[in-house]
PDB file of all heavy atoms in Angstrom:
ATOM      1  N   CYS A   1      98.418  78.861 112.090  1.00  0.00           N
ATOM      2  CA  CYS A   1      97.687  78.543 110.852  1.00  0.00           C
ATOM      3  C   CYS A   1      96.874  79.760 110.399  1.00  0.00           C
ATOM      4  O   CYS A   1      96.936  80.165 109.228  1.00  0.00           O
ATOM      5  CB  CYS A   1      96.779  77.342 111.094  1.00  0.00           C
ATOM      6  SG  CYS A   1      95.680  76.945 109.716  1.00  0.00           S
ATOM      7  N   GLN A   2      96.114  80.343 111.313  1.00  0.00           N
ATOM      8  CA  GLN A   2      95.295  81.511 110.982  1.00  0.00           C
ATOM      9  C   GLN A   2      96.167  82.697 110.585  1.00  0.00           C
ATOM     10  O   GLN A   2      95.846  83.435 109.646  1.00  0.00           O
ATOM     11  CB  GLN A   2      94.398  81.885 112.174  1.00  0.00           C
ATOM     12  CG  GLN A   2      93.344  80.859 112.495  1.00  0.00           C
ATOM     13  CD  GLN A   2      92.316  80.745 111.399  1.00  0.00           C
ATOM     14  OE1 GLN A   2      91.764  81.726 110.919  1.00  0.00           O
ATOM     15  NE2 GLN A   2      92.052  79.514 110.966  1.00  0.00           N
ATOM     16  N   PHE A   3      97.272  82.865 111.277  1.00  0.00           N
ATOM     17  CA  PHE A   3      98.200  83.961 110.984  1.00  0.00           C
ATOM     18  C   PHE A   3      98.735  83.828 109.555  1.00  0.00           C
ATOM     19  O   PHE A   3      98.775  84.793 108.799  1.00  0.00           O
ATOM     20  CB  PHE A   3      99.338  83.965 112.011  1.00  0.00           C
ATOM     21  CG  PHE A   3     100.156  85.206 111.993  1.00  0.00           C
ATOM     22  CD1 PHE A   3      99.703  86.363 112.598  1.00  0.00           C
ATOM     23  CD2 PHE A   3     101.399  85.224 111.380  1.00  0.00           C
ATOM     24  CE1 PHE A   3     100.461  87.519 112.589  1.00  0.00           C
ATOM     25  CE2 PHE A   3     102.165  86.379 111.369  1.00  0.00           C
ATOM     26  CZ  PHE A   3     101.698  87.526 111.972  1.00  0.00           C
ATOM     27  N   CYS A   4      99.132  82.622 109.189  1.00  0.00           N
ATOM     28  CA  CYS A   4      99.659  82.384 107.833  1.00  0.00           C
ATOM     29  C   CYS A   4      98.593  82.622 106.768  1.00  0.00           C
ATOM     30  O   CYS A   4      98.887  83.161 105.704  1.00  0.00           O
ATOM     31  CB  CYS A   4     100.219  80.969 107.705  1.00  0.00           C
ATOM     32  SG  CYS A   4     101.765  80.737 108.581  1.00  0.00           S
ATOM     33  N   LYS A   5      97.359  82.213 107.061  1.00  0.00           N
ATOM     34  CA  LYS A   5      96.266  82.455 106.115  1.00  0.00           C
ATOM     35  C   LYS A   5      96.078  83.958 105.888  1.00  0.00           C
ATOM     36  O   LYS A   5      95.873  84.396 104.763  1.00  0.00           O
ATOM     37  CB  LYS A   5      94.972  81.815 106.606  1.00  0.00           C
ATOM     38  CG  LYS A   5      94.954  80.316 106.473  1.00  0.00           C
ATOM     39  CD  LYS A   5      93.658  79.712 106.977  1.00  0.00           C
ATOM     40  CE  LYS A   5      93.691  78.195 106.838  1.00  0.00           C
ATOM     41  NZ  LYS A   5      92.409  77.577 107.208  1.00  0.00           N
ATOM     42  N   ALA A   6      96.159  84.713 106.968  1.00  0.00           N
ATOM     43  CA  ALA A   6      96.027  86.171 106.862  1.00  0.00           C
ATOM     44  C   ALA A   6      97.171  86.771 106.054  1.00  0.00           C
ATOM     45  O   ALA A   6      96.962  87.638 105.204  1.00  0.00           O
ATOM     46  CB  ALA A   6      95.960  86.802 108.246  1.00  0.00           C
ATOM     47  N   LEU A   7      98.395  86.308 106.323  1.00  0.00           N
ATOM     48  CA  LEU A   7      99.548  86.836 105.594  1.00  0.00           C
ATOM     49  C   LEU A   7      99.495  86.464 104.111  1.00  0.00           C
ATOM     50  O   LEU A   7      99.898  87.254 103.256  1.00  0.00           O
ATOM     51  CB  LEU A   7     100.858  86.347 106.220  1.00  0.00           C
ATOM     52  CG  LEU A   7     101.150  86.897 107.605  1.00  0.00           C
ATOM     53  CD1 LEU A   7     102.432  86.286 108.153  1.00  0.00           C
ATOM     54  CD2 LEU A   7     101.232  88.408 107.615  1.00  0.00           C
ATOM     55  N   GLU A   8      98.986  85.271 103.819  1.00  0.00           N
ATOM     56  CA  GLU A   8      98.827  84.878 102.418  1.00  0.00           C
ATOM     57  C   GLU A   8      97.897  85.855 101.697  1.00  0.00           C
ATOM     58  O   GLU A   8      98.224  86.377 100.632  1.00  0.00           O
ATOM     59  CB  GLU A   8      98.251  83.459 102.320  1.00  0.00           C
ATOM     60  CG  GLU A   8      97.966  83.043 100.894  1.00  0.00           C
ATOM     61  CD  GLU A   8      96.905  81.971 100.768  1.00  0.00           C
ATOM     62  OE1 GLU A   8      96.463  81.408 101.772  1.00  0.00           O
ATOM     63  OE2 GLU A   8      96.516  81.718  99.610  1.00  0.00           O
ATOM     64  N   ILE A   9      96.754  86.132 102.307  1.00  0.00           N
ATOM     65  CA  ILE A   9      95.803  87.067 101.706  1.00  0.00           C
ATOM     66  C   ILE A   9      96.419  88.457 101.628  1.00  0.00           C
ATOM     67  O   ILE A   9      96.349  89.120 100.595  1.00  0.00           O
ATOM     68  CB  ILE A   9      94.491  87.102 102.513  1.00  0.00           C
ATOM     69  CG1 ILE A   9      93.766  85.763 102.416  1.00  0.00           C
ATOM     70  CG2 ILE A   9      93.586  88.230 102.012  1.00  0.00           C
ATOM     71  CD1 ILE A   9      92.604  85.618 103.383  1.00  0.00           C
ATOM     72  N   GLY A  10      97.030  88.888 102.726  1.00  0.00           N
ATOM     73  CA  GLY A  10      97.631  90.218 102.768  1.00  0.00           C
ATOM     74  C   GLY A  10      98.678  90.415 101.694  1.00  0.00           C
ATOM     75  O   GLY A  10      98.765  91.478 101.073  1.00  0.00           O
ATOM     76  N   MET A  11      99.483  89.393 101.470  1.00  0.00           N
ATOM     77  CA  MET A  11     100.529  89.500 100.456  1.00  0.00           C
ATOM     78  C   MET A  11      99.927  89.539  99.046  1.00  0.00           C
ATOM     79  O   MET A  11     100.406  90.268  98.195  1.00  0.00           O
ATOM     80  CB  MET A  11     101.504  88.332 100.586  1.00  0.00           C
ATOM     81  CG  MET A  11     102.767  88.524  99.794  1.00  0.00           C
ATOM     82  SD  MET A  11     104.031  87.341 100.273  1.00  0.00           S
ATOM     83  CE  MET A  11     104.665  88.141 101.736  1.00  0.00           C
ATOM     84  N   ARG A  12      98.869  88.757  98.833  1.00  0.00           N
ATOM     85  CA  ARG A  12      98.228  88.739  97.517  1.00  0.00           C
ATOM     86  C   ARG A  12      97.571  90.078  97.191  1.00  0.00           C
ATOM     87  O   ARG A  12      97.541  90.496  96.040  1.00  0.00           O
ATOM     88  CB  ARG A  12      97.148  87.643  97.464  1.00  0.00           C
ATOM     89  CG  ARG A  12      97.625  86.351  96.871  1.00  0.00           C
ATOM     90  CD  ARG A  12      96.503  85.389  96.564  1.00  0.00           C
ATOM     91  NE  ARG A  12      95.837  84.920  97.786  1.00  0.00           N
ATOM     92  CZ  ARG A  12      94.566  85.144  98.090  1.00  0.00           C
ATOM     93  NH1 ARG A  12      93.792  85.805  97.282  1.00  0.00           N
ATOM     94  NH2 ARG A  12      94.039  84.710  99.209  1.00  0.00           N
ATOM     95  N   ILE A  13      97.057  90.736  98.214  1.00  0.00           N
ATOM     96  CA  ILE A  13      96.280  91.951  97.965  1.00  0.00           C
ATOM     97  C   ILE A  13      97.021  93.225  98.364  1.00  0.00           C
ATOM     98  O   ILE A  13      96.412  94.280  98.497  1.00  0.00           O
ATOM     99  CB  ILE A  13      94.926  91.889  98.706  1.00  0.00           C
ATOM    100  CG1 ILE A  13      95.124  91.813 100.219  1.00  0.00           C
ATOM    101  CG2 ILE A  13      94.089  90.744  98.201  1.00  0.00           C
ATOM    102  CD1 ILE A  13      93.863  91.983 101.020  1.00  0.00           C
ATOM    103  N   ALA A  14      98.325  93.137  98.549  1.00  0.00           N
ATOM    104  CA  ALA A  14      99.109  94.252  99.087  1.00  0.00           C
ATOM    105  C   ALA A  14      98.793  95.592  98.437  1.00  0.00           C
ATOM    106  O   ALA A  14      98.629  96.587  99.116  1.00  0.00           O
ATOM    107  CB  ALA A  14     100.593  93.945  98.974  1.00  0.00           C
ATOM    108  N   ASN A  15      98.718  95.629  97.138  1.00  0.00           N
ATOM    109  CA  ASN A  15      98.491  96.910  96.468  1.00  0.00           C
ATOM    110  C   ASN A  15      97.082  97.085  95.954  1.00  0.00           C
ATOM    111  O   ASN A  15      96.645  98.205  95.720  1.00  0.00           O
ATOM    112  CB  ASN A  15      99.485  97.073  95.314  1.00  0.00           C
ATOM    113  CG  ASN A  15     100.898  97.179  95.814  1.00  0.00           C
ATOM    114  OD1 ASN A  15     101.140  97.820  96.831  1.00  0.00           O
ATOM    115  ND2 ASN A  15     101.824  96.540  95.131  1.00  0.00           N
ATOM    116  N   VAL A  16      96.379  96.009  95.729  1.00  0.00           N
ATOM    117  CA  VAL A  16      95.016  96.095  95.187  1.00  0.00           C
ATOM    118  C   VAL A  16      94.084  95.374  96.144  1.00  0.00           C
ATOM    119  O   VAL A  16      93.744  94.220  95.945  1.00  0.00           O
ATOM    120  CB  VAL A  16      94.935  95.452  93.780  1.00  0.00           C
ATOM    121  CG1 VAL A  16      93.579  95.677  93.175  1.00  0.00           C
ATOM    122  CG2 VAL A  16      96.032  95.975  92.880  1.00  0.00           C
ATOM    123  N   MET A  17      93.700  96.077  97.184  1.00  0.00           N
ATOM    124  CA  MET A  17      92.832  95.463  98.180  1.00  0.00           C
ATOM    125  C   MET A  17      91.380  95.557  97.759  1.00  0.00           C
ATOM    126  O   MET A  17      90.934  96.594  97.276  1.00  0.00           O
ATOM    127  CB  MET A  17      92.981  96.178  99.515  1.00  0.00           C
ATOM    128  CG  MET A  17      94.206  95.851 100.265  1.00  0.00           C
ATOM    129  SD  MET A  17      94.002  96.447 101.962  1.00  0.00           S
ATOM    130  CE  MET A  17      95.660  96.349 102.540  1.00  0.00           C
ATOM    131  N   ASN A  18      90.659  94.463  97.969  1.00  0.00           N
ATOM    132  CA  ASN A  18      89.208  94.575  97.887  1.00  0.00           C
ATOM    133  C   ASN A  18      88.673  94.279  99.274  1.00  0.00           C
ATOM    134  O   ASN A  18      89.311  93.614 100.082  1.00  0.00           O
ATOM    135  CB  ASN A  18      88.619  93.675  96.783  1.00  0.00           C
ATOM    136  CG  ASN A  18      88.634  92.212  97.133  1.00  0.00           C
ATOM    137  OD1 ASN A  18      88.199  91.826  98.221  1.00  0.00           O
ATOM    138  ND2 ASN A  18      89.126  91.403  96.227  1.00  0.00           N
ATOM    139  N   LYS A  19      87.492  94.774  99.533  1.00  0.00           N
ATOM    140  CA  LYS A  19      86.954  94.729 100.890  1.00  0.00           C
ATOM    141  C   LYS A  19      86.767  93.301 101.403  1.00  0.00           C
ATOM    142  O   LYS A  19      87.053  93.018 102.563  1.00  0.00           O
ATOM    143  CB  LYS A  19      85.650  95.505 100.969  1.00  0.00           C
ATOM    144  CG  LYS A  19      85.206  95.725 102.381  1.00  0.00           C
ATOM    145  CD  LYS A  19      84.236  96.847 102.516  1.00  0.00           C
ATOM    146  CE  LYS A  19      84.042  97.163 103.986  1.00  0.00           C
ATOM    147  NZ  LYS A  19      83.384  98.412 104.187  1.00  0.00           N
ATOM    148  N   ALA A  20      86.310  92.393 100.566  1.00  0.00           N
ATOM    149  CA  ALA A  20      86.076  91.016 101.005  1.00  0.00           C
ATOM    150  C   ALA A  20      87.375  90.353 101.460  1.00  0.00           C
ATOM    151  O   ALA A  20      87.410  89.700 102.513  1.00  0.00           O
ATOM    152  CB  ALA A  20      85.430  90.202  99.886  1.00  0.00           C
ATOM    153  N   GLU A  21      88.453  90.530 100.697  1.00  0.00           N
ATOM    154  CA  GLU A  21      89.736  89.936 101.074  1.00  0.00           C
ATOM    155  C   GLU A  21      90.310  90.617 102.317  1.00  0.00           C
ATOM    156  O   GLU A  21      90.883  89.956 103.185  1.00  0.00           O
ATOM    157  CB  GLU A  21      90.718  89.998  99.911  1.00  0.00           C
ATOM    158  CG  GLU A  21      90.358  89.029  98.806  1.00  0.00           C
ATOM    159  CD  GLU A  21      91.330  89.065  97.648  1.00  0.00           C
ATOM    160  OE1 GLU A  21      91.751  90.173  97.258  1.00  0.00           O
ATOM    161  OE2 GLU A  21      91.656  87.975  97.139  1.00  0.00           O
ATOM    162  N   TYR A  22      90.151  91.918 102.384  1.00  0.00           N
ATOM    163  CA  TYR A  22      90.606  92.665 103.558  1.00  0.00           C
ATOM    164  C   TYR A  22      89.908  92.136 104.815  1.00  0.00           C
ATOM    165  O   TYR A  22      90.557  91.841 105.824  1.00  0.00           O
ATOM    166  CB  TYR A  22      90.323  94.157 103.349  1.00  0.00           C
ATOM    167  CG  TYR A  22      90.335  95.010 104.594  1.00  0.00           C
ATOM    168  CD1 TYR A  22      91.505  95.251 105.291  1.00  0.00           C
ATOM    169  CD2 TYR A  22      89.151  95.599 105.055  1.00  0.00           C
ATOM    170  CE1 TYR A  22      91.506  96.052 106.434  1.00  0.00           C
ATOM    171  CE2 TYR A  22      89.149  96.402 106.180  1.00  0.00           C
ATOM    172  CZ  TYR A  22      90.324  96.623 106.873  1.00  0.00           C
ATOM    173  OH  TYR A  22      90.332  97.411 107.992  1.00  0.00           O
ATOM    174  N   LEU A  23      88.587  91.970 104.745  1.00  0.00           N
ATOM    175  CA  LEU A  23      87.832  91.470 105.889  1.00  0.00           C
ATOM    176  C   LEU A  23      88.203  90.022 106.225  1.00  0.00           C
ATOM    177  O   LEU A  23      88.253  89.641 107.394  1.00  0.00           O
ATOM    178  CB  LEU A  23      86.328  91.615 105.641  1.00  0.00           C
ATOM    179  CG  LEU A  23      85.823  93.056 105.544  1.00  0.00           C
ATOM    180  CD1 LEU A  23      84.351  93.092 105.142  1.00  0.00           C
ATOM    181  CD2 LEU A  23      86.052  93.811 106.848  1.00  0.00           C
ATOM    182  N   ALA A  24      88.480  89.219 105.200  1.00  0.00           N
ATOM    183  CA  ALA A  24      88.900  87.825 105.431  1.00  0.00           C
ATOM    184  C   ALA A  24      90.242  87.789 106.159  1.00  0.00           C
ATOM    185  O   ALA A  24      90.421  87.013 107.106  1.00  0.00           O
ATOM    186  CB  ALA A  24      88.979  87.069 104.110  1.00  0.00           C
ATOM    187  N   ALA A  25      91.171  88.626 105.721  1.00  0.00           N
ATOM    188  CA  ALA A  25      92.485  88.675 106.374  1.00  0.00           C
ATOM    189  C   ALA A  25      92.340  89.120 107.826  1.00  0.00           C
ATOM    190  O   ALA A  25      92.963  88.544 108.732  1.00  0.00           O
ATOM    191  CB  ALA A  25      93.429  89.599 105.611  1.00  0.00           C
ATOM    192  N   LYS A  26      91.508  90.131 108.072  1.00  0.00           N
ATOM    193  CA  LYS A  26      91.272  90.597 109.445  1.00  0.00           C
ATOM    194  C   LYS A  26      90.704  89.480 110.311  1.00  0.00           C
ATOM    195  O   LYS A  26      91.117  89.304 111.455  1.00  0.00           O
ATOM    196  CB  LYS A  26      90.306  91.788 109.450  1.00  0.00           C
ATOM    197  CG  LYS A  26      90.940  93.109 109.114  1.00  0.00           C
ATOM    198  CD  LYS A  26      89.956  94.258 109.231  1.00  0.00           C
ATOM    199  CE  LYS A  26      89.407  94.467 110.604  1.00  0.00           C
ATOM    200  NZ  LYS A  26      90.319  95.052 111.594  1.00  0.00           N
ATOM    201  N   LYS A  27      89.765  88.711 109.750  1.00  0.00           N
ATOM    202  CA  LYS A  27      89.142  87.619 110.512  1.00  0.00           C
ATOM    203  C   LYS A  27      90.186  86.561 110.881  1.00  0.00           C
ATOM    204  O   LYS A  27      90.197  86.071 112.015  1.00  0.00           O
ATOM    205  CB  LYS A  27      88.002  86.996 109.691  1.00  0.00           C
ATOM    206  CG  LYS A  27      87.218  85.964 110.442  1.00  0.00           C
ATOM    207  CD  LYS A  27      86.469  86.598 111.595  1.00  0.00           C
ATOM    208  CE  LYS A  27      85.650  85.574 112.344  1.00  0.00           C
ATOM    209  NZ  LYS A  27      85.167  86.081 113.611  1.00  0.00           N
ATOM    210  N   HIS A  28      91.069  86.224 109.945  1.00  0.00           N
ATOM    211  CA  HIS A  28      92.125  85.251 110.248  1.00  0.00           C
ATOM    212  C   HIS A  28      93.057  85.783 111.346  1.00  0.00           C
ATOM    213  O   HIS A  28      93.480  85.018 112.226  1.00  0.00           O
ATOM    214  CB  HIS A  28      92.941  84.914 108.997  1.00  0.00           C
ATOM    215  CG  HIS A  28      92.226  84.034 108.026  1.00  0.00           C
ATOM    216  ND1 HIS A  28      91.733  82.791 108.342  1.00  0.00           N
ATOM    217  CD2 HIS A  28      91.908  84.235 106.725  1.00  0.00           C
ATOM    218  CE1 HIS A  28      91.152  82.250 107.287  1.00  0.00           C
ATOM    219  NE2 HIS A  28      91.242  83.107 106.295  1.00  0.00           N
ATOM    220  N   LEU A  29      93.376  87.066 111.301  1.00  0.00           N
ATOM    221  CA  LEU A  29      94.248  87.647 112.326  1.00  0.00           C
ATOM    222  C   LEU A  29      93.556  87.673 113.692  1.00  0.00           C
ATOM    223  O   LEU A  29      94.191  87.400 114.709  1.00  0.00           O
ATOM    224  CB  LEU A  29      94.710  89.044 111.916  1.00  0.00           C
ATOM    225  CG  LEU A  29      95.742  89.042 110.787  1.00  0.00           C
ATOM    226  CD1 LEU A  29      95.890  90.435 110.181  1.00  0.00           C
ATOM    227  CD2 LEU A  29      97.082  88.522 111.287  1.00  0.00           C
ATOM    228  N   GLU A  30      92.262  87.968 113.720  1.00  0.00           N
ATOM    229  CA  GLU A  30      91.514  87.915 114.975  1.00  0.00           C
ATOM    230  C   GLU A  30      91.502  86.493 115.527  1.00  0.00           C
ATOM    231  O   GLU A  30      91.701  86.277 116.728  1.00  0.00           O
ATOM    232  CB  GLU A  30      90.074  88.397 114.764  1.00  0.00           C
ATOM    233  CG  GLU A  30      89.940  89.875 114.538  1.00  0.00           C
ATOM    234  CD  GLU A  30      88.528  90.272 114.116  1.00  0.00           C
ATOM    235  OE1 GLU A  30      87.578  89.482 114.328  1.00  0.00           O
ATOM    236  OE2 GLU A  30      88.376  91.370 113.552  1.00  0.00           O
ATOM    237  N   ASN A  31      91.261  85.515 114.639  1.00  0.00           N
ATOM    238  CA  ASN A  31      91.268  84.111 115.063  1.00  0.00           C
ATOM    239  C   ASN A  31      92.637  83.703 115.597  1.00  0.00           C
ATOM    240  O   ASN A  31      92.745  83.000 116.599  1.00  0.00           O
ATOM    241  CB  ASN A  31      90.871  83.191 113.907  1.00  0.00           C
ATOM    242  CG  ASN A  31      89.414  83.302 113.548  1.00  0.00           C
ATOM    243  OD1 ASN A  31      88.597  83.776 114.335  1.00  0.00           O
ATOM    244  ND2 ASN A  31      89.067  82.873 112.343  1.00  0.00           N
ATOM    245  N   ALA A  32      93.696  84.136 114.900  1.00  0.00           N
ATOM    246  CA  ALA A  32      95.050  83.827 115.349  1.00  0.00           C
ATOM    247  C   ALA A  32      95.279  84.386 116.748  1.00  0.00           C
ATOM    248  O   ALA A  32      95.754  83.677 117.643  1.00  0.00           O
ATOM    249  CB  ALA A  32      96.085  84.400 114.374  1.00  0.00           C
TER     250      ALA A  32
END
């Protein structure tokens, strides 16, 4: 579940990353 949440964010922000989304994706991957 956490892995998918991270991939969802990562895919949405692939080219235009903002720090908040980047940190959210990292947190989901750590949780996973």
